[in-house]
Protein backbone atom coordinates (compact mmCIF):
# COMPACT_ATOMS: atom_id res chain seq x y z
CA MET A 1 127.88 67.53 80.09
CA GLY A 2 128.22 71.14 79.08
CA LEU A 3 131.27 72.47 77.39
CA SER A 4 132.35 74.60 80.54
CA LYS A 5 132.71 71.37 82.47
CA GLU A 6 135.14 69.89 79.88
CA THR A 7 138.91 70.40 79.83
CA CYS A 8 141.01 71.73 76.76
CA VAL A 9 143.17 69.08 75.28
CA PRO A 10 146.65 70.02 73.89
CA CYS A 11 146.44 70.52 70.29
CA ARG A 12 149.85 69.93 68.68
CA GLY A 13 148.66 70.51 65.00
CA GLY A 14 148.25 68.30 62.27
CA VAL A 15 144.47 68.09 62.73
CA PRO A 16 142.12 70.00 60.58
CA ALA A 17 140.48 73.24 61.83
CA LEU A 18 136.69 72.95 62.37
CA THR A 19 134.57 73.78 59.34
CA ARG A 20 131.70 76.33 59.52
CA ALA A 21 129.18 73.37 59.59
CA GLU A 22 131.21 71.73 62.58
CA ALA A 23 131.52 74.94 64.37
CA GLU A 24 127.97 76.11 64.45
CA PRO A 25 126.64 73.47 66.89
CA TYR A 26 129.46 74.63 69.32
CA LEU A 27 128.56 78.22 68.69
CA GLN A 28 124.99 77.56 69.82
CA GLN A 29 126.39 76.37 73.08
CA THR A 30 128.38 79.56 73.58
CA PRO A 31 125.82 82.35 73.61
CA GLY A 32 127.13 85.90 72.78
CA TRP A 33 130.17 84.72 70.78
CA MET A 34 130.26 85.48 66.91
CA LEU A 35 131.88 83.32 64.20
CA SER A 36 133.93 85.21 61.82
CA GLU A 37 132.75 85.28 58.28
CA ASP A 38 135.69 82.86 57.25
CA ALA A 39 135.02 80.80 60.28
CA VAL A 40 138.54 80.97 61.47
CA TRP A 41 137.91 82.50 64.79
CA ILE A 42 135.17 83.30 67.36
CA GLU A 43 134.89 86.56 69.29
CA ARG A 44 132.78 88.40 71.89
CA THR A 45 132.86 91.71 73.38
CA PHE A 46 131.95 92.01 77.05
CA PRO A 47 130.63 95.34 78.25
CA PHE A 48 131.71 96.78 81.75
CA LYS A 49 130.94 99.90 83.79
CA ASP A 50 134.54 101.00 83.98
CA PHE A 51 138.17 100.21 83.38
CA ALA A 52 138.59 98.43 86.69
CA GLN A 53 135.80 95.96 86.13
CA ALA A 54 137.28 95.23 82.51
CA LEU A 55 140.70 94.74 84.07
CA ARG A 56 139.45 92.35 86.75
CA PHE A 57 137.53 90.32 83.97
CA VAL A 58 140.76 90.11 81.72
CA ASN A 59 142.71 88.89 84.74
CA ALA A 60 140.23 86.42 85.50
CA VAL A 61 140.24 85.27 81.63
CA GLY A 62 144.08 85.08 81.92
CA GLY A 63 143.72 82.65 84.90
CA ILE A 64 141.41 80.31 83.12
CA ALA A 65 143.53 80.46 79.96
CA GLU A 66 146.56 79.50 81.97
CA GLN A 67 144.68 76.77 83.64
CA GLU A 68 143.38 75.27 80.46
CA GLY A 69 146.55 75.79 78.59
CA HIS A 70 144.76 77.61 75.69
CA HIS A 71 145.38 81.37 75.35
CA PRO A 72 143.02 83.87 73.60
CA ASP A 73 143.72 87.27 72.10
CA VAL A 74 142.37 89.90 74.55
CA THR A 75 142.18 93.63 74.16
CA PHE A 76 140.33 95.83 76.68
CA GLY A 77 139.88 99.46 77.69
CA TRP A 78 137.38 101.54 79.52
CA GLY A 79 134.23 99.73 79.62
CA TYR A 80 134.86 96.75 77.64
CA ALA A 81 136.91 93.67 76.94
CA LYS A 82 137.02 91.81 73.60
CA VAL A 83 138.08 88.20 73.55
CA VAL A 84 139.11 86.49 70.28
CA LEU A 85 139.61 82.52 70.31
CA TYR A 86 141.07 80.35 67.61
CA THR A 87 143.81 77.64 67.65
CA HIS A 88 146.94 79.12 66.46
CA LYS A 89 148.63 75.91 65.55
CA ILE A 90 145.86 74.93 63.06
CA HIS A 91 144.96 78.35 62.04
CA GLY A 92 141.36 77.94 62.79
CA LEU A 93 138.87 76.61 65.32
CA HIS A 94 139.12 73.61 67.48
CA GLN A 95 136.79 72.22 70.10
CA ASN A 96 139.12 73.78 72.74
CA ASP A 97 138.10 77.34 71.58
CA PHE A 98 134.50 76.60 72.42
CA ILE A 99 135.40 75.13 75.79
CA LEU A 100 137.21 78.25 76.69
CA ALA A 101 134.46 80.45 75.45
CA ALA A 102 131.93 78.64 77.70
CA LYS A 103 134.25 79.00 80.75
CA ILE A 104 134.60 82.65 80.00
CA ASN A 105 130.85 83.10 79.51
CA GLU A 106 130.51 81.73 83.17
CA LEU A 107 132.63 84.75 84.35
CA ALA A 108 130.49 87.39 82.68
């Protein structure tokens, strides 16, 4: 089963963040996403033809985030939307981040 078919599980903290070695196999399942140098977050910038398309995408990302109970940091403007994912409670990456990344990829 692919990551986009999985569901985020509540992370209450107290679990270790993924190491770079643990994150890299998930990264291979989420094309277009880049791992930060310190392996604390993943990010992807999505290009759009105009502001309206970027806004529709951001609203769709927000809907998925609410459904999954896992919320990314999003910035956008004319022609782009940048999404950054990490799990705030553990100050690093969790499987949930990659699940949400896979679901966001399906929107693009």
